[in-house]
Amino acid sequence: MAWTPLELAANLMTAICIFLAGRNNVHTWWTGLVGCVLFAALFYTSQLYADVTLQLFFFVTGVIGWLNWADTKDKPSLPITQAPYATVAGMTGVAILIAALYGWILHRYTDAYAPWVDSLVLTLSVMAQLLLVRRNVQTWPAWLIVNTLSVPLFWSRELYLTSVLYGFFWINALISWRSWIKLSTKQEVV
């Protein structure tokens, strides 16, 4: 099981990012930006083009998230909240529809590996990231689904370290989900 320096670096930076996100720490964003650049290069070499697109999206939303979460003299950071059910249901429906379309495009016009699963990972990750940027608790169950799909996808491309890391992300999402529910409840009481 040989890891490339690129895969190792991408995993290290992203592991730090995800750990910090679960702990509601603003430093999640700059570490995530570095991880995005590294993973975009790795996924391109593995023909996981939807995941390359996803890294570009993560980079842009990482900048936005950093601004939203940062306390400044002009504004406090966003609180952790629950997104309305209708919002999450609508986002999920849109994510599935776009995944079907993008999967078909990748299947038809590229040499993409697993275009349907890769596309679903892309669109559900977009949904989860948008919830994370807004500090919505529902980000964590969405990440659970993404990680459940990602582990076997990355393993099948012999990205073993990345696959194992996403297994740890799955565990982190469970822990973070519980933590964020507690934090949001404390904020409501105050």
Protein backbone atom coordinates (compact mmCIF):
# COMPACT_ATOMS: atom_id res chain seq x y z
CA MET A 1 0.00 0.00 0.00
CA ALA A 2 2.07 2.95 -1.28
CA TRP A 3 0.92 6.50 -0.73
CA THR A 4 2.17 9.35 -2.79
CA PRO A 5 3.46 12.49 -1.07
CA LEU A 6 0.53 14.34 -2.66
CA GLU A 7 -2.05 11.97 -1.17
CA LEU A 8 -0.37 12.11 2.23
CA ALA A 9 -0.25 15.93 2.27
CA ALA A 10 -3.86 16.27 1.06
CA ASN A 11 -5.07 13.87 3.72
CA LEU A 12 -3.11 15.52 6.50
CA MET A 13 -4.39 19.03 5.78
CA THR A 14 -7.95 17.84 5.26
CA ALA A 15 -7.89 15.76 8.46
CA ILE A 16 -6.87 18.87 10.41
CA CYS A 17 -9.61 20.86 8.66
CA ILE A 18 -12.37 18.35 9.40
CA PHE A 19 -11.27 17.89 13.01
CA LEU A 20 -11.39 21.67 13.53
CA ALA A 21 -14.80 21.96 11.84
CA GLY A 22 -16.27 19.41 14.23
CA ARG A 23 -14.89 21.46 17.12
CA ASN A 24 -16.47 24.64 15.73
CA ASN A 25 -13.03 26.25 15.20
CA VAL A 26 -12.56 29.01 12.60
CA HIS A 27 -9.12 27.64 11.63
CA THR A 28 -10.95 24.87 9.80
CA TRP A 29 -11.20 27.19 6.81
CA TRP A 30 -7.58 28.05 5.99
CA THR A 31 -6.49 24.45 6.53
CA GLY A 32 -9.32 23.40 4.25
CA LEU A 33 -8.17 25.75 1.50
CA VAL A 34 -4.75 24.10 1.44
CA GLY A 35 -6.37 20.65 1.47
CA CYS A 36 -8.61 21.61 -1.47
CA VAL A 37 -5.71 22.51 -3.70
CA LEU A 38 -3.89 19.28 -2.86
CA PHE A 39 -6.95 17.06 -3.30
CA ALA A 40 -7.87 18.71 -6.61
CA ALA A 41 -4.50 17.65 -8.00
CA LEU A 42 -4.82 14.14 -6.55
CA PHE A 43 -8.35 13.56 -7.86
CA TYR A 44 -7.42 14.84 -11.31
CA THR A 45 -4.71 12.20 -11.58
CA SER A 46 -7.25 9.56 -10.44
CA GLN A 47 -9.85 10.53 -13.07
CA LEU A 48 -12.36 11.58 -10.40
CA TYR A 49 -13.36 14.75 -12.23
CA ALA A 50 -16.49 15.47 -10.21
CA ASP A 51 -14.27 15.47 -7.13
CA VAL A 52 -11.93 17.98 -8.81
CA THR A 53 -14.94 20.23 -9.41
CA LEU A 54 -15.92 19.73 -5.79
CA GLN A 55 -12.52 20.92 -4.57
CA LEU A 56 -12.93 24.13 -6.56
CA PHE A 57 -16.31 24.66 -4.91
CA PHE A 58 -14.82 23.89 -1.48
CA PHE A 59 -12.15 26.49 -2.09
CA VAL A 60 -14.65 29.24 -2.86
CA THR A 61 -16.96 28.31 0.02
CA GLY A 62 -13.93 27.98 2.28
CA VAL A 63 -13.22 31.66 1.82
CA ILE A 64 -16.90 32.48 2.47
CA GLY A 65 -16.99 30.20 5.52
CA TRP A 66 -13.88 31.80 6.92
CA LEU A 67 -15.53 35.23 6.65
CA ASN A 68 -18.83 33.97 8.14
CA TRP A 69 -17.22 32.23 11.11
CA ALA A 70 -14.69 34.93 11.97
CA ASP A 71 -15.43 37.29 14.83
CA THR A 72 -14.60 40.85 13.85
CA LYS A 73 -15.18 44.21 15.48
CA ASP A 74 -17.95 44.81 12.91
CA LYS A 75 -19.87 41.55 13.36
CA PRO A 76 -19.97 38.46 15.55
CA SER A 77 -19.60 35.00 14.01
CA LEU A 78 -22.67 33.03 12.98
CA PRO A 79 -24.30 30.91 15.68
CA ILE A 80 -24.93 27.18 15.24
CA THR A 81 -28.56 26.70 14.17
CA GLN A 82 -30.99 24.11 12.84
CA ALA A 83 -31.91 24.55 9.17
CA PRO A 84 -35.64 24.32 8.42
CA TYR A 85 -36.80 20.86 7.31
CA ALA A 86 -38.16 22.22 4.02
CA THR A 87 -34.76 23.75 3.22
CA VAL A 88 -32.91 20.49 3.81
CA ALA A 89 -35.50 18.46 1.88
CA GLY A 90 -35.34 20.87 -1.05
CA MET A 91 -31.54 20.86 -1.07
CA THR A 92 -31.52 17.05 -1.02
CA GLY A 93 -33.91 16.82 -3.97
CA VAL A 94 -31.88 19.29 -6.01
CA ALA A 95 -28.64 17.47 -5.13
CA ILE A 96 -30.03 14.15 -6.38
CA LEU A 97 -31.34 15.65 -9.63
CA ILE A 98 -28.08 17.44 -10.39
CA ALA A 99 -26.11 14.28 -9.56
CA ALA A 100 -28.16 12.34 -12.10
CA LEU A 101 -27.54 14.95 -14.79
CA TYR A 102 -23.85 15.42 -14.03
CA GLY A 103 -23.34 11.67 -13.78
CA TRP A 104 -24.87 11.25 -17.22
CA ILE A 105 -22.63 14.00 -18.65
CA LEU A 106 -19.50 12.43 -17.17
CA HIS A 107 -20.58 8.96 -18.34
CA ARG A 108 -21.31 10.16 -21.86
CA TYR A 109 -18.46 12.58 -22.49
CA THR A 110 -15.48 11.62 -20.31
CA ASP A 111 -13.45 8.65 -19.18
CA ALA A 112 -14.61 9.27 -15.59
CA TYR A 113 -14.48 6.39 -13.18
CA ALA A 114 -17.82 5.74 -11.37
CA PRO A 115 -19.47 8.89 -12.75
CA TRP A 116 -22.81 8.36 -10.94
CA VAL A 117 -21.38 7.78 -7.47
CA ASP A 118 -18.73 10.46 -7.99
CA SER A 119 -21.46 12.92 -9.00
CA LEU A 120 -23.58 12.06 -5.97
CA VAL A 121 -20.56 12.62 -3.72
CA LEU A 122 -20.14 15.99 -5.45
CA THR A 123 -23.70 17.23 -5.07
CA LEU A 124 -24.25 15.96 -1.53
CA SER A 125 -20.91 17.49 -0.54
CA VAL A 126 -22.03 20.81 -1.98
CA MET A 127 -25.19 20.56 0.11
CA ALA A 128 -23.24 19.63 3.25
CA GLN A 129 -20.72 22.42 2.67
CA LEU A 130 -23.47 25.03 2.26
CA LEU A 131 -24.96 23.86 5.55
CA LEU A 132 -21.50 24.01 7.17
CA VAL A 133 -20.82 27.55 5.93
CA ARG A 134 -24.11 28.60 7.56
CA ARG A 135 -23.27 26.60 10.73
CA ASN A 136 -26.38 24.42 10.40
CA VAL A 137 -26.42 21.23 12.48
CA GLN A 138 -27.71 19.25 9.49
CA THR A 139 -24.30 19.51 7.87
CA TRP A 140 -23.18 16.46 9.87
CA PRO A 141 -25.80 13.91 8.75
CA ALA A 142 -25.17 15.08 5.19
CA TRP A 143 -21.44 14.47 5.68
CA LEU A 144 -22.24 11.00 7.05
CA ILE A 145 -23.88 10.10 3.74
CA VAL A 146 -21.03 11.62 1.72
CA ASN A 147 -18.44 9.70 3.72
CA THR A 148 -20.41 6.45 3.40
CA LEU A 149 -20.25 6.81 -0.40
CA SER A 150 -16.66 8.07 -0.50
CA VAL A 151 -14.96 5.28 1.43
CA PRO A 152 -15.62 2.53 -1.16
CA LEU A 153 -15.21 4.95 -4.09
CA PHE A 154 -11.72 6.01 -3.06
CA TRP A 155 -10.77 2.45 -2.11
CA SER A 156 -11.76 1.27 -5.59
CA ARG A 157 -9.31 3.82 -7.09
CA GLU A 158 -6.54 2.52 -4.80
CA LEU A 159 -6.57 5.74 -2.79
CA TYR A 160 -6.33 3.66 0.37
CA LEU A 161 -5.14 6.40 2.70
CA THR A 162 -7.90 8.71 1.50
CA SER A 163 -10.45 5.95 1.95
CA VAL A 164 -9.33 5.31 5.52
CA LEU A 165 -9.36 9.03 6.23
CA TYR A 166 -12.96 9.25 5.03
CA GLY A 167 -13.77 6.40 7.39
CA PHE A 168 -12.44 8.58 10.21
CA PHE A 169 -14.44 11.50 8.80
CA TRP A 170 -17.52 9.31 9.16
CA ILE A 171 -16.78 8.85 12.87
CA ASN A 172 -15.97 12.55 13.24
CA ALA A 173 -19.31 13.46 11.64
CA LEU A 174 -21.18 11.36 14.23
CA ILE A 175 -19.30 12.97 17.10
CA SER A 176 -19.63 16.46 15.61
CA TRP A 177 -23.35 16.05 14.99
CA ARG A 178 -23.92 15.32 18.67
CA SER A 179 -21.59 18.14 19.73
CA TRP A 180 -23.26 20.72 17.49
CA ILE A 181 -26.72 19.75 18.75
CA LYS A 182 -25.49 20.44 22.30
CA LEU A 183 -23.85 23.71 21.26
CA SER A 184 -26.97 24.91 19.45
CA THR A 185 -29.11 24.08 22.48
CA LYS A 186 -26.75 26.03 24.77
CA GLN A 187 -26.95 29.03 22.42
CA GLU A 188 -30.77 28.94 22.54
CA VAL A 189 -30.75 28.92 26.34
CA VAL A 190 -28.38 31.89 26.68
